[in-house]
Amino acid sequence: MHYAKKTVLEAQKMIFVGHVHKPQLYTAVSPAYSLPKQCVGLGCLCNKNPSYLLDKPNAWVHQFLFWYMFDDGTFTYYTPTIINGRCIINGKVYDGNKTL
């Protein structure tokens, strides 16, 4: 929560941060009926075991984000997590292990 909290408190608005390796989310206080003030930090789409880590355990997560926006500026977002090369979006399984 540390970088997410710091980021949203500085920005004072909704913010998405990509490729921070381990996901974080912090929600700041905002007026009722307004857009949320959150920092959503996403995992990465990189090698979770790079050579410089020397096979040490870590908290890295494969993850990405997509969102839908309404005409009035409101939105909803999704942060699928990829585990063992697979994730599910809207009930459909996406499997990166399958060959074409």
PDB file of N, CA and C in Angstrom:
ATOM      1  N   MET A   1       0.810  -1.201   0.000  1.00  0.00           N
ATOM      2  CA  MET A   1       0.000   0.000   0.000  1.00  0.00           C
ATOM      3  C   MET A   1       0.849   1.258   0.000  1.00  0.00           C
ATOM      4  N   HIS A   2       2.153   1.159   0.196  1.00  0.00           N
ATOM      5  CA  HIS A   2       2.951   2.359   0.435  1.00  0.00           C
ATOM      6  C   HIS A   2       3.062   3.258  -0.798  1.00  0.00           C
ATOM      7  N   TYR A   3       3.488   2.713  -1.948  1.00  0.00           N
ATOM      8  CA  TYR A   3       3.587   3.593  -3.108  1.00  0.00           C
ATOM      9  C   TYR A   3       2.204   3.999  -3.584  1.00  0.00           C
ATOM     10  N   ALA A   4       1.218   3.126  -3.465  1.00  0.00           N
ATOM     11  CA  ALA A   4      -0.142   3.461  -3.899  1.00  0.00           C
ATOM     12  C   ALA A   4      -0.711   4.598  -3.041  1.00  0.00           C
ATOM     13  N   LYS A   5      -0.512   4.513  -1.758  1.00  0.00           N
ATOM     14  CA  LYS A   5      -1.010   5.570  -0.863  1.00  0.00           C
ATOM     15  C   LYS A   5      -0.318   6.890  -1.164  1.00  0.00           C
ATOM     16  N   LYS A   6       0.994   6.873  -1.260  1.00  0.00           N
ATOM     17  CA  LYS A   6       1.759   8.094  -1.534  1.00  0.00           C
ATOM     18  C   LYS A   6       1.323   8.716  -2.858  1.00  0.00           C
ATOM     19  N   THR A   7       1.149   7.891  -3.881  1.00  0.00           N
ATOM     20  CA  THR A   7       0.804   8.390  -5.210  1.00  0.00           C
ATOM     21  C   THR A   7      -0.566   9.048  -5.236  1.00  0.00           C
ATOM     22  N   VAL A   8      -1.582   8.391  -4.661  1.00  0.00           N
ATOM     23  CA  VAL A   8      -2.930   8.968  -4.714  1.00  0.00           C
ATOM     24  C   VAL A   8      -3.034  10.203  -3.817  1.00  0.00           C
ATOM     25  N   LEU A   9      -2.345  10.222  -2.709  1.00  0.00           N
ATOM     26  CA  LEU A   9      -2.402  11.405  -1.847  1.00  0.00           C
ATOM     27  C   LEU A   9      -1.713  12.602  -2.499  1.00  0.00           C
ATOM     28  N   GLU A  10      -0.704  12.349  -3.312  1.00  0.00           N
ATOM     29  CA  GLU A  10      -0.064  13.439  -4.053  1.00  0.00           C
ATOM     30  C   GLU A  10      -0.904  13.876  -5.249  1.00  0.00           C
ATOM     31  N   ALA A  11      -1.455  12.918  -5.985  1.00  0.00           N
ATOM     32  CA  ALA A  11      -2.208  13.235  -7.205  1.00  0.00           C
ATOM     33  C   ALA A  11      -3.612  13.747  -6.905  1.00  0.00           C
ATOM     34  N   GLN A  12      -4.213  13.259  -5.817  1.00  0.00           N
ATOM     35  CA  GLN A  12      -5.586  13.627  -5.432  1.00  0.00           C
ATOM     36  C   GLN A  12      -6.603  13.339  -6.533  1.00  0.00           C
ATOM     37  N   LYS A  13      -6.394  12.232  -7.248  1.00  0.00           N
ATOM     38  CA  LYS A  13      -7.340  11.796  -8.273  1.00  0.00           C
ATOM     39  C   LYS A  13      -7.099  10.321  -8.560  1.00  0.00           C
ATOM     40  N   MET A  14      -7.953   9.759  -9.374  1.00  0.00           N
ATOM     41  CA  MET A  14      -7.822   8.365  -9.799  1.00  0.00           C
ATOM     42  C   MET A  14      -6.574   8.240 -10.651  1.00  0.00           C
ATOM     43  N   ILE A  15      -5.757   7.247 -10.347  1.00  0.00           N
ATOM     44  CA  ILE A  15      -4.527   7.063 -11.112  1.00  0.00           C
ATOM     45  C   ILE A  15      -4.198   5.579 -11.216  1.00  0.00           C
ATOM     46  N   PHE A  16      -3.763   5.182 -12.405  1.00  0.00           N
ATOM     47  CA  PHE A  16      -3.319   3.809 -12.651  1.00  0.00           C
ATOM     48  C   PHE A  16      -1.814   3.839 -12.887  1.00  0.00           C
ATOM     49  N   VAL A  17      -1.102   2.914 -12.261  1.00  0.00           N
ATOM     50  CA  VAL A  17       0.347   2.833 -12.412  1.00  0.00           C
ATOM     51  C   VAL A  17       0.668   1.429 -12.897  1.00  0.00           C
ATOM     52  N   GLY A  18       1.397   1.339 -13.992  1.00  0.00           N
ATOM     53  CA  GLY A  18       1.694   0.031 -14.564  1.00  0.00           C
ATOM     54  C   GLY A  18       3.105  -0.440 -14.276  1.00  0.00           C
ATOM     55  N   HIS A  19       3.280  -1.728 -14.390  1.00  0.00           N
ATOM     56  CA  HIS A  19       4.567  -2.405 -14.284  1.00  0.00           C
ATOM     57  C   HIS A  19       5.299  -2.085 -12.983  1.00  0.00           C
ATOM     58  N   VAL A  20       4.607  -2.241 -11.884  1.00  0.00           N
ATOM     59  CA  VAL A  20       5.246  -2.051 -10.586  1.00  0.00           C
ATOM     60  C   VAL A  20       5.523  -3.392  -9.905  1.00  0.00           C
ATOM     61  N   HIS A  21       5.373  -4.461 -10.663  1.00  0.00           N
ATOM     62  CA  HIS A  21       5.695  -5.833 -10.265  1.00  0.00           C
ATOM     63  C   HIS A  21       4.709  -6.459  -9.286  1.00  0.00           C
ATOM     64  N   LYS A  22       4.375  -5.779  -8.205  1.00  0.00           N
ATOM     65  CA  LYS A  22       3.401  -6.363  -7.288  1.00  0.00           C
ATOM     66  C   LYS A  22       2.233  -5.402  -7.129  1.00  0.00           C
ATOM     67  N   PRO A  23       1.018  -5.899  -7.266  1.00  0.00           N
ATOM     68  CA  PRO A  23      -0.162  -5.035  -7.242  1.00  0.00           C
ATOM     69  C   PRO A  23      -0.376  -4.373  -5.889  1.00  0.00           C
ATOM     70  N   GLN A  24      -0.858  -3.143  -5.962  1.00  0.00           N
ATOM     71  CA  GLN A  24      -1.259  -2.428  -4.763  1.00  0.00           C
ATOM     72  C   GLN A  24      -2.467  -1.572  -5.102  1.00  0.00           C
ATOM     73  N   LEU A  25      -3.274  -1.312  -4.097  1.00  0.00           N
ATOM     74  CA  LEU A  25      -4.445  -0.457  -4.255  1.00  0.00           C
ATOM     75  C   LEU A  25      -4.604   0.344  -2.978  1.00  0.00           C
ATOM     76  N   TYR A  26      -4.817   1.643  -3.148  1.00  0.00           N
ATOM     77  CA  TYR A  26      -5.122   2.474  -1.995  1.00  0.00           C
ATOM     78  C   TYR A  26      -6.237   3.423  -2.396  1.00  0.00           C
ATOM     79  N   THR A  27      -7.239   3.552  -1.539  1.00  0.00           N
ATOM     80  CA  THR A  27      -8.359   4.445  -1.779  1.00  0.00           C
ATOM     81  C   THR A  27      -8.308   5.570  -0.761  1.00  0.00           C
ATOM     82  N   ALA A  28      -8.281   6.804  -1.265  1.00  0.00           N
ATOM     83  CA  ALA A  28      -8.273   7.981  -0.402  1.00  0.00           C
ATOM     84  C   ALA A  28      -9.704   8.472  -0.199  1.00  0.00           C
ATOM     85  N   VAL A  29      -9.907   9.250   0.818  1.00  0.00           N
ATOM     86  CA  VAL A  29     -11.215   9.829   1.099  1.00  0.00           C
ATOM     87  C   VAL A  29     -11.544  10.834  -0.003  1.00  0.00           C
ATOM     88  N   SER A  30     -12.780  10.769  -0.500  1.00  0.00           N
ATOM     89  CA  SER A  30     -13.238  11.724  -1.514  1.00  0.00           C
ATOM     90  C   SER A  30     -14.683  12.083  -1.205  1.00  0.00           C
ATOM     91  N   PRO A  31     -15.153  13.204  -1.746  1.00  0.00           N
ATOM     92  CA  PRO A  31     -16.539  13.603  -1.497  1.00  0.00           C
ATOM     93  C   PRO A  31     -17.519  12.541  -1.998  1.00  0.00           C
ATOM     94  N   ALA A  32     -18.658  12.447  -1.328  1.00  0.00           N
ATOM     95  CA  ALA A  32     -19.695  11.496  -1.741  1.00  0.00           C
ATOM     96  C   ALA A  32     -20.131  11.807  -3.168  1.00  0.00           C
ATOM     97  N   TYR A  33     -20.488  10.785  -3.891  1.00  0.00           N
ATOM     98  CA  TYR A  33     -20.996  10.903  -5.262  1.00  0.00           C
ATOM     99  C   TYR A  33     -19.986  11.526  -6.223  1.00  0.00           C
ATOM    100  N   SER A  34     -18.707  11.321  -5.971  1.00  0.00           N
ATOM    101  CA  SER A  34     -17.698  11.780  -6.913  1.00  0.00           C
ATOM    102  C   SER A  34     -16.924  10.568  -7.417  1.00  0.00           C
ATOM    103  N   LEU A  35     -16.069  10.799  -8.372  1.00  0.00           N
ATOM    104  CA  LEU A  35     -15.214   9.716  -8.835  1.00  0.00           C
ATOM    105  C   LEU A  35     -14.323   9.267  -7.689  1.00  0.00           C
ATOM    106  N   PRO A  36     -13.988   7.984  -7.650  1.00  0.00           N
ATOM    107  CA  PRO A  36     -13.109   7.523  -6.571  1.00  0.00           C
ATOM    108  C   PRO A  36     -11.715   8.116  -6.723  1.00  0.00           C
ATOM    109  N   LYS A  37     -11.048   8.261  -5.591  1.00  0.00           N
ATOM    110  CA  LYS A  37      -9.634   8.638  -5.605  1.00  0.00           C
ATOM    111  C   LYS A  37      -8.870   7.390  -5.196  1.00  0.00           C
ATOM    112  N   GLN A  38      -8.311   6.736  -6.177  1.00  0.00           N
ATOM    113  CA  GLN A  38      -7.556   5.518  -5.912  1.00  0.00           C
ATOM    114  C   GLN A  38      -6.260   5.547  -6.703  1.00  0.00           C
ATOM    115  N   CYS A  39      -5.272   4.856  -6.176  1.00  0.00           N
ATOM    116  CA  CYS A  39      -4.106   4.492  -6.971  1.00  0.00           C
ATOM    117  C   CYS A  39      -4.177   2.985  -7.131  1.00  0.00           C
ATOM    118  N   VAL A  40      -4.221   2.554  -8.373  1.00  0.00           N
ATOM    119  CA  VAL A  40      -4.227   1.134  -8.698  1.00  0.00           C
ATOM    120  C   VAL A  40      -2.879   0.824  -9.329  1.00  0.00           C
ATOM    121  N   GLY A  41      -2.054   0.117  -8.605  1.00  0.00           N
ATOM    122  CA  GLY A  41      -0.749  -0.288  -9.110  1.00  0.00           C
ATOM    123  C   GLY A  41      -0.832  -1.712  -9.616  1.00  0.00           C
ATOM    124  N   LEU A  42      -0.402  -1.907 -10.837  1.00  0.00           N
ATOM    125  CA  LEU A  42      -0.530  -3.218 -11.489  1.00  0.00           C
ATOM    126  C   LEU A  42       0.752  -4.018 -11.415  1.00  0.00           C
ATOM    127  N   GLY A  43       0.573  -5.317 -11.498  1.00  0.00           N
ATOM    128  CA  GLY A  43       1.710  -6.204 -11.627  1.00  0.00           C
ATOM    129  C   GLY A  43       2.403  -5.961 -12.959  1.00  0.00           C
ATOM    130  N   CYS A  44       3.117  -6.938 -13.424  1.00  0.00           N
ATOM    131  CA  CYS A  44       3.929  -6.771 -14.627  1.00  0.00           C
ATOM    132  C   CYS A  44       3.613  -7.875 -15.639  1.00  0.00           C
ATOM    133  N   LEU A  45       4.173  -7.733 -16.822  1.00  0.00           N
ATOM    134  CA  LEU A  45       4.086  -8.771 -17.849  1.00  0.00           C
ATOM    135  C   LEU A  45       5.502  -9.183 -18.262  1.00  0.00           C
ATOM    136  N   CYS A  46       6.378  -9.232 -17.293  1.00  0.00           N
ATOM    137  CA  CYS A  46       7.780  -9.545 -17.552  1.00  0.00           C
ATOM    138  C   CYS A  46       8.141 -10.900 -16.931  1.00  0.00           C
ATOM    139  N   ASN A  47       9.380 -11.284 -17.109  1.00  0.00           N
ATOM    140  CA  ASN A  47       9.901 -12.494 -16.488  1.00  0.00           C
ATOM    141  C   ASN A  47       9.892 -12.288 -14.973  1.00  0.00           C
ATOM    142  N   LYS A  48       9.164 -13.124 -14.256  1.00  0.00           N
ATOM    143  CA  LYS A  48       9.071 -12.982 -12.803  1.00  0.00           C
ATOM    144  C   LYS A  48      10.291 -13.545 -12.079  1.00  0.00           C
ATOM    145  N   ASN A  49      11.216 -14.128 -12.828  1.00  0.00           N
ATOM    146  CA  ASN A  49      12.427 -14.682 -12.218  1.00  0.00           C
ATOM    147  C   ASN A  49      13.644 -14.261 -13.044  1.00  0.00           C
ATOM    148  N   PRO A  50      13.941 -12.959 -13.103  1.00  0.00           N
ATOM    149  CA  PRO A  50      15.098 -12.531 -13.878  1.00  0.00           C
ATOM    150  C   PRO A  50      16.400 -13.016 -13.242  1.00  0.00           C
ATOM    151  N   SER A  51      17.436 -13.102 -14.042  1.00  0.00           N
ATOM    152  CA  SER A  51      18.706 -13.671 -13.575  1.00  0.00           C
ATOM    153  C   SER A  51      19.277 -12.925 -12.374  1.00  0.00           C
ATOM    154  N   TYR A  52      19.055 -11.612 -12.288  1.00  0.00           N
ATOM    155  CA  TYR A  52      19.655 -10.858 -11.185  1.00  0.00           C
ATOM    156  C   TYR A  52      19.007 -11.163  -9.834  1.00  0.00           C
ATOM    157  N   LEU A  53      17.831 -11.805  -9.821  1.00  0.00           N
ATOM    158  CA  LEU A  53      17.216 -12.191  -8.548  1.00  0.00           C
ATOM    159  C   LEU A  53      17.739 -13.525  -8.024  1.00  0.00           C
ATOM    160  N   LEU A  54      18.472 -14.228  -8.865  1.00  0.00           N
ATOM    161  CA  LEU A  54      19.117 -15.478  -8.451  1.00  0.00           C
ATOM    162  C   LEU A  54      18.133 -16.482  -7.848  1.00  0.00           C
ATOM    163  N   ASP A  55      16.972 -16.628  -8.471  1.00  0.00           N
ATOM    164  CA  ASP A  55      15.939 -17.581  -8.044  1.00  0.00           C
ATOM    165  C   ASP A  55      15.367 -17.309  -6.654  1.00  0.00           C
ATOM    166  N   LYS A  56      15.516 -16.085  -6.153  1.00  0.00           N
ATOM    167  CA  LYS A  56      14.960 -15.756  -4.837  1.00  0.00           C
ATOM    168  C   LYS A  56      13.454 -15.549  -4.947  1.00  0.00           C
ATOM    169  N   PRO A  57      12.708 -15.900  -3.910  1.00  0.00           N
ATOM    170  CA  PRO A  57      11.257 -15.660  -3.917  1.00  0.00           C
ATOM    171  C   PRO A  57      10.972 -14.161  -4.006  1.00  0.00           C
ATOM    172  N   ASN A  58       9.845 -13.824  -4.614  1.00  0.00           N
ATOM    173  CA  ASN A  58       9.439 -12.426  -4.701  1.00  0.00           C
ATOM    174  C   ASN A  58       7.915 -12.353  -4.754  1.00  0.00           C
ATOM    175  N   ALA A  59       7.383 -11.164  -4.763  1.00  0.00           N
ATOM    176  CA  ALA A  59       5.929 -10.964  -4.763  1.00  0.00           C
ATOM    177  C   ALA A  59       5.423 -10.487  -6.122  1.00  0.00           C
ATOM    178  N   TRP A  60       6.200 -10.677  -7.172  1.00  0.00           N
ATOM    179  CA  TRP A  60       5.810 -10.215  -8.490  1.00  0.00           C
ATOM    180  C   TRP A  60       4.598 -10.999  -9.004  1.00  0.00           C
ATOM    181  N   VAL A  61       3.725 -10.322  -9.735  1.00  0.00           N
ATOM    182  CA  VAL A  61       2.492 -10.923 -10.241  1.00  0.00           C
ATOM    183  C   VAL A  61       2.294 -10.498 -11.688  1.00  0.00           C
ATOM    184  N   HIS A  62       1.955 -11.443 -12.555  1.00  0.00           N
ATOM    185  CA  HIS A  62       1.570 -11.103 -13.928  1.00  0.00           C
ATOM    186  C   HIS A  62       0.147 -10.561 -13.901  1.00  0.00           C
ATOM    187  N   GLN A  63      -0.015  -9.356 -14.434  1.00  0.00           N
ATOM    188  CA  GLN A  63      -1.320  -8.698 -14.350  1.00  0.00           C
ATOM    189  C   GLN A  63      -1.411  -7.608 -15.416  1.00  0.00           C
ATOM    190  N   PHE A  64      -2.641  -7.288 -15.806  1.00  0.00           N
ATOM    191  CA  PHE A  64      -2.884  -6.169 -16.713  1.00  0.00           C
ATOM    192  C   PHE A  64      -4.213  -5.540 -16.354  1.00  0.00           C
ATOM    193  N   LEU A  65      -4.548  -4.445 -17.024  1.00  0.00           N
ATOM    194  CA  LEU A  65      -5.760  -3.699 -16.697  1.00  0.00           C
ATOM    195  C   LEU A  65      -6.491  -3.323 -17.974  1.00  0.00           C
ATOM    196  N   PHE A  66      -7.819  -3.356 -17.920  1.00  0.00           N
ATOM    197  CA  PHE A  66      -8.631  -2.750 -18.964  1.00  0.00           C
ATOM    198  C   PHE A  66      -9.841  -2.117 -18.304  1.00  0.00           C
ATOM    199  N   TRP A  67     -10.439  -1.132 -18.974  1.00  0.00           N
ATOM    200  CA  TRP A  67     -11.575  -0.450 -18.380  1.00  0.00           C
ATOM    201  C   TRP A  67     -12.584  -0.053 -19.431  1.00  0.00           C
ATOM    202  N   TYR A  68     -13.766   0.228 -18.938  1.00  0.00           N
ATOM    203  CA  TYR A  68     -14.874   0.740 -19.752  1.00  0.00           C
ATOM    204  C   TYR A  68     -15.246   2.102 -19.191  1.00  0.00           C
ATOM    205  N   MET A  69     -15.468   3.069 -20.096  1.00  0.00           N
ATOM    206  CA  MET A  69     -15.801   4.412 -19.665  1.00  0.00           C
ATOM    207  C   MET A  69     -17.174   4.798 -20.187  1.00  0.00           C
ATOM    208  N   PHE A  70     -17.958   5.403 -19.324  1.00  0.00           N
ATOM    209  CA  PHE A  70     -19.276   5.897 -19.702  1.00  0.00           C
ATOM    210  C   PHE A  70     -19.166   7.331 -20.208  1.00  0.00           C
ATOM    211  N   ASP A  71     -20.202   7.782 -20.900  1.00  0.00           N
ATOM    212  CA  ASP A  71     -20.211   9.135 -21.463  1.00  0.00           C
ATOM    213  C   ASP A  71     -20.057  10.224 -20.409  1.00  0.00           C
ATOM    214  N   ASP A  72     -20.493   9.950 -19.169  1.00  0.00           N
ATOM    215  CA  ASP A  72     -20.416  10.980 -18.123  1.00  0.00           C
ATOM    216  C   ASP A  72     -19.064  11.011 -17.401  1.00  0.00           C
ATOM    217  N   GLY A  73     -18.108  10.210 -17.867  1.00  0.00           N
ATOM    218  CA  GLY A  73     -16.778  10.199 -17.266  1.00  0.00           C
ATOM    219  C   GLY A  73     -16.588   9.149 -16.185  1.00  0.00           C
ATOM    220  N   THR A  74     -17.655   8.468 -15.791  1.00  0.00           N
ATOM    221  CA  THR A  74     -17.506   7.387 -14.818  1.00  0.00           C
ATOM    222  C   THR A  74     -17.005   6.146 -15.552  1.00  0.00           C
ATOM    223  N   PHE A  75     -16.543   5.195 -14.809  1.00  0.00           N
ATOM    224  CA  PHE A  75     -15.887   4.044 -15.425  1.00  0.00           C
ATOM    225  C   PHE A  75     -15.899   2.858 -14.480  1.00  0.00           C
ATOM    226  N   THR A  76     -15.521   1.731 -15.016  1.00  0.00           N
ATOM    227  CA  THR A  76     -15.234   0.552 -14.208  1.00  0.00           C
ATOM    228  C   THR A  76     -13.999  -0.103 -14.801  1.00  0.00           C
ATOM    229  N   TYR A  77     -13.185  -0.693 -13.952  1.00  0.00           N
ATOM    230  CA  TYR A  77     -11.947  -1.293 -14.440  1.00  0.00           C
ATOM    231  C   TYR A  77     -11.789  -2.713 -13.906  1.00  0.00           C
ATOM    232  N   TYR A  78     -10.973  -3.473 -14.598  1.00  0.00           N
ATOM    233  CA  TYR A  78     -10.719  -4.868 -14.244  1.00  0.00           C
ATOM    234  C   TYR A  78      -9.217  -5.107 -14.294  1.00  0.00           C
ATOM    235  N   THR A  79      -8.721  -5.863 -13.345  1.00  0.00           N
ATOM    236  CA  THR A  79      -7.294  -6.180 -13.292  1.00  0.00           C
ATOM    237  C   THR A  79      -7.109  -7.699 -13.232  1.00  0.00           C
ATOM    238  N   PRO A  80      -7.226  -8.364 -14.382  1.00  0.00           N
ATOM    239  CA  PRO A  80      -7.024  -9.812 -14.381  1.00  0.00           C
ATOM    240  C   PRO A  80      -5.595 -10.178 -13.972  1.00  0.00           C
ATOM    241  N   THR A  81      -5.487 -11.217 -13.195  1.00  0.00           N
ATOM    242  CA  THR A  81      -4.196 -11.763 -12.799  1.00  0.00           C
ATOM    243  C   THR A  81      -3.951 -13.025 -13.600  1.00  0.00           C
ATOM    244  N   ILE A  82      -2.774 -13.121 -14.179  1.00  0.00           N
ATOM    245  CA  ILE A  82      -2.397 -14.283 -14.982  1.00  0.00           C
ATOM    246  C   ILE A  82      -1.624 -15.236 -14.086  1.00  0.00           C
ATOM    247  N   ILE A  83      -2.132 -16.454 -13.936  1.00  0.00           N
ATOM    248  CA  ILE A  83      -1.467 -17.464 -13.120  1.00  0.00           C
ATOM    249  C   ILE A  83      -1.212 -18.675 -13.996  1.00  0.00           C
ATOM    250  N   ASN A  84       0.025 -19.112 -14.027  1.00  0.00           N
ATOM    251  CA  ASN A  84       0.433 -20.238 -14.876  1.00  0.00           C
ATOM    252  C   ASN A  84       0.023 -20.018 -16.336  1.00  0.00           C
ATOM    253  N   GLY A  85       0.110 -18.764 -16.790  1.00  0.00           N
ATOM    254  CA  GLY A  85      -0.171 -18.450 -18.193  1.00  0.00           C
ATOM    255  C   GLY A  85      -1.637 -18.331 -18.543  1.00  0.00           C
ATOM    256  N   ARG A  86      -2.522 -18.378 -17.547  1.00  0.00           N
ATOM    257  CA  ARG A  86      -3.954 -18.338 -17.844  1.00  0.00           C
ATOM    258  C   ARG A  86      -4.674 -17.286 -17.017  1.00  0.00           C
ATOM    259  N   CYS A  87      -5.768 -16.768 -17.599  1.00  0.00           N
ATOM    260  CA  CYS A  87      -6.683 -15.904 -16.862  1.00  0.00           C
ATOM    261  C   CYS A  87      -8.075 -16.080 -17.455  1.00  0.00           C
ATOM    262  N   ILE A  88      -9.066 -15.590 -16.749  1.00  0.00           N
ATOM    263  CA  ILE A  88     -10.454 -15.674 -17.213  1.00  0.00           C
ATOM    264  C   ILE A  88     -11.008 -14.262 -17.284  1.00  0.00           C
ATOM    265  N   ILE A  89     -11.596 -13.917 -18.424  1.00  0.00           N
ATOM    266  CA  ILE A  89     -12.236 -12.613 -18.607  1.00  0.00           C
ATOM    267  C   ILE A  89     -13.640 -12.864 -19.140  1.00  0.00           C
ATOM    268  N   ASN A  90     -14.630 -12.354 -18.418  1.00  0.00           N
ATOM    269  CA  ASN A  90     -16.035 -12.536 -18.796  1.00  0.00           C
ATOM    270  C   ASN A  90     -16.375 -13.998 -19.061  1.00  0.00           C
ATOM    271  N   GLY A  91     -15.841 -14.883 -18.251  1.00  0.00           N
ATOM    272  CA  GLY A  91     -16.138 -16.299 -18.354  1.00  0.00           C
ATOM    273  C   GLY A  91     -15.341 -17.041 -19.413  1.00  0.00           C
ATOM    274  N   LYS A  92     -14.513 -16.346 -20.187  1.00  0.00           N
ATOM    275  CA  LYS A  92     -13.707 -16.989 -21.229  1.00  0.00           C
ATOM    276  C   LYS A  92     -12.282 -17.181 -20.715  1.00  0.00           C
ATOM    277  N   VAL A  93     -11.755 -18.404 -20.871  1.00  0.00           N
ATOM    278  CA  VAL A  93     -10.407 -18.712 -20.451  1.00  0.00           C
ATOM    279  C   VAL A  93      -9.421 -18.328 -21.562  1.00  0.00           C
ATOM    280  N   TYR A  94      -8.424 -17.544 -21.203  1.00  0.00           N
ATOM    281  CA  TYR A  94      -7.328 -17.198 -22.107  1.00  0.00           C
ATOM    282  C   TYR A  94      -6.106 -17.950 -21.612  1.00  0.00           C
ATOM    283  N   ASP A  95      -5.554 -18.794 -22.465  1.00  0.00           N
ATOM    284  CA  ASP A  95      -4.457 -19.680 -22.077  1.00  0.00           C
ATOM    285  C   ASP A  95      -3.247 -19.420 -22.966  1.00  0.00           C
ATOM    286  N   GLY A  96      -2.234 -18.792 -22.413  1.00  0.00           N
ATOM    287  CA  GLY A  96      -1.021 -18.510 -23.163  1.00  0.00           C
ATOM    288  C   GLY A  96      -0.125 -19.719 -23.347  1.00  0.00           C
ATOM    289  N   ASN A  97      -0.507 -20.856 -22.776  1.00  0.00           N
ATOM    290  CA  ASN A  97       0.283 -22.073 -22.919  1.00  0.00           C
ATOM    291  C   ASN A  97      -0.083 -22.860 -24.161  1.00  0.00           C
ATOM    292  N   LYS A  98      -1.237 -22.566 -24.736  1.00  0.00           N
ATOM    293  CA  LYS A  98      -1.684 -23.308 -25.926  1.00  0.00           C
ATOM    294  C   LYS A  98      -0.999 -22.775 -27.165  1.00  0.00           C
ATOM    295  N   THR A  99      -0.637 -23.652 -28.051  1.00  0.00           N
ATOM    296  CA  THR A  99      -0.033 -23.250 -29.326  1.00  0.00           C
ATOM    297  C   THR A  99      -1.139 -23.006 -30.337  1.00  0.00           C
ATOM    298  N   LEU A 100      -0.873 -22.105 -31.258  1.00  0.00           N
ATOM    299  CA  LEU A 100      -1.868 -21.788 -32.279  1.00  0.00           C
ATOM    300  C   LEU A 100      -1.919 -22.823 -33.375  1.00  0.00           C
TER     301      LEU A 100
END
